[in-house]
C-alpha cells in the first residue's frame, strides 16, 4: 500500500506539471491505472527517462535565467561605468544649450525637482504612519507632524488641486484636438493611396527634344565647413541628365575654415575642366546664414537668364534624373511656384536615434506633405531637394534673413501671394540624418524656434493678405498654432509637469487613457508610413516625450524673441556615401567624352586630400566626446521620484509610464542614444 501511495503521489505531481490534472474524475482514472499489479519494466524505464528529461529541462531554464541575469548585470555595470565616466569628464550640455532661456528653464526644473523630492519624503512618512489609509484631520491630530500633514491635505484639496485640474483639462482638450488632426491627416493619406492620386506632369523629357526645349535651370548648393559631404552633392549635381548649356551650378561656400575653402574650390575646378558649367562663390561678409548666402547668389546679373532654381544642401545627392522628374510639372502651370521632393536617408539604420528620426520624417513626408500638397497645394518648403520658379521668389520678396527658417518663410510669403505648390512623394533625394544627439538637438531647436519667430512676424501680414478665409485659417490655426505651438506645449506640460505633480496631488486626476491608450494609438498612426520600424514603437513614444523639453524651450525662445532663437548651427554630417560609390556613380553618369580613367584618378586624389585634411584636423582639433544634459537628467529624477510616489498609491499604468519615461530621460541625459564616442 505504501508503494501504491507513493506511485499515486508521483503521478499526481507529474500530471500537475503537464497540466492534465484538472478534474477529480481524471485523478481517479489515473489512480486505477497505477494500481495495476503487473510489473512492466518498460513503464518504469519510461518514467525514469521522463524524470531525467524534466531535470534537464529545469537545468536548461536555470541556465537561461543565469544568462539573462548575467547579461542584465553586465549591461548595468557598463551603463554605470559610462555614466560615471561622463560625469567625471564634466562635459555638460552644448554651447547652444547654455543660453539664458535654457539656463532659466533649468533653474525652474531644479526647483521643481527639489519640491517633488521634499513631497516624496513627506508622503513616505505618512505612508509608514498609516495616514494614507486613514487620513487625519486637524482637530483629531495629536503630533505636530500629523497636524502638518492634515493641514497639507486641506491645502492641496482646496487650493492646489483645482488649478492643476483645470490646466490638466486644457491640456487634454489640446491633446485631443491634435490627435484628431493626426487622424484626419492619416485618413487623407489613405484616400490618396486608395484612389492613387498623384501629380501628373504635362510633358516628359525622353531625349528626343532639342536643346532649346529644355528650360534654363540654376542649381544652388549652399554649404558651410561641410568637408565630409561636399564631394557627394557637387558630383551628384554635375552629372544631372540635363543639357550642360541649359544648366548652371553655383557652389555657395560660406566656410570660414581655409582648408575647407581650398578643398571645395579644387573640387569645382575639377568639374569645370570636364566641361560642366559650375561656379564657386565665397562671401567675404557672412551675414544672414543660409538665407544671406542664397540672397547673395540670386543677386548675380546672370540669374535673370534662368527660369528655375533647384536647391540642394551639402549632404543631399539627387538622382541623375531629378530635373527631368521635377521641371516638367511646371509646364502649363503658370501659378506653380515650388516642386518639393521626398528625402531618403542613407543612414536610417545606423543607430537607435536615426531609426527614431526616420519614423518622424517618414510621417512628415508620406502624410503631412503629401496630404497638404494634394488637397490644399500648400506645405512648408523643406529648404532643400526642391525646385522654385524664380519669378515666384522675386514676386514674394526673395530670401529674407529675419528668421532661422528661411525655407518656411519664403513658402508662407509665396502662399499668401497666391502661388501653389506640388509635392512629389515618388521622387526621392538621398541625404543623411544626424547620428549624434547633440547634432539632432541643435537641429530640433532651430526647427522649433524658427516657426515661432515667423508666426510673430507674419501674423499681421496673414490677416491682411488677399487670400481666402480658409487659407488664412489653415495657416494660422493648423500650420502654426496646432502643429508648431500647441504640440510641444501640451507634450511637455502634460507628461513632464502635470503627470508627476498629479502623483503628489491625487485630487487632480489624469485619466489612464490620456497617459497610455491615446498616445499609444497616435504612435501606431505615426509609425504606419515606416512599417519596418514597428519594433521601435515604445522607444519612439518615450523618445518623443523626452524631446518635448527641447522643443518646448525652443518654442518659448522663438515666441518671446529670446537670444538662442536666432542662433544657427550647421547640423554635423559624416558623409556616409563612400568614395567608391561616388566614383562609380560619376563614371556611370558623366559625359562619355570624358575619360573615365582621368575621372577616377582625380576623384581618388581629391578623396585622399580630403581624408588627409580630416585626419589632420582630428589630431589637432578639439577632442570630441559625449556630453551630459542637465535638463534631461533633472527631469529623469523628477519622473522617477513621481514613479515611487505612484507606487505607494498602487497606480499601475501611471507607475509604469513614469518609470519608463524617467529611464528614457536618463538615457538621453547621459547621451547614451545616438553616436557613442569612445
Foldseek 3Di string as FASTA:
>chain_A
DVVLVVVLVVVVVVCVVVVNPDDVVVSVVVSVVSPPPDDDPVVVVVVVVVVVVVVVVVVVVVVVVVVVVVVVVVVVVVVVVLLVVQVVVVFAADPLCPFPLNVVVLVVLLVVLVVLVVLLVLVVVCLVVVCVVPPDACVPDDDPSSNVSNVVLVCLLPPNQVVLLVVLVVLVVLVVVLLVVLVVLLVLLVVCVVVVDAQDFPDFCPPPDDLVVDFAEEEEEEDEPFLQQQLQAVLLVQLAPHPQVRYAYEYQYAYPDVVSLVLNVVSQVVSVVVVHRYDYDYDPDDPLDPLVSVVVVCPDPCVVRGFKYAYAYRFKRFHNCLCRVFVSNCPPPVQAFKEAEAEDEPCCPVFPVSVLVCLQRLCCQSGVVQSCCVPPQADFHPRHRMMGGVVLCVVLPHFDSQALRSRRLSRVSSVLVPGGYHYGHPGYIYGHDQQFPSLVLLVLLQVQLRLLLSCVVCVVVLVVGPDDPVVSCCVNVPVRPSPRPSVLVSLCCVPLPSLLVCLSSVSNDDDLCVLPVSLLVSLVSSRVSPVVSVVCSVVSSLVVSLSSVSSNSSNVCNNVVGDSRRDDDDRHDNNPDDLVVSLVSSLVSDDPVDDSVVSVVVSVVSVVSSVVVVVVCCVPDDDDADHAYSSLLSSLSSLQSSLVSVVSVVPPSSNVSSNVSSVSSVCVRSRVGGDHDD
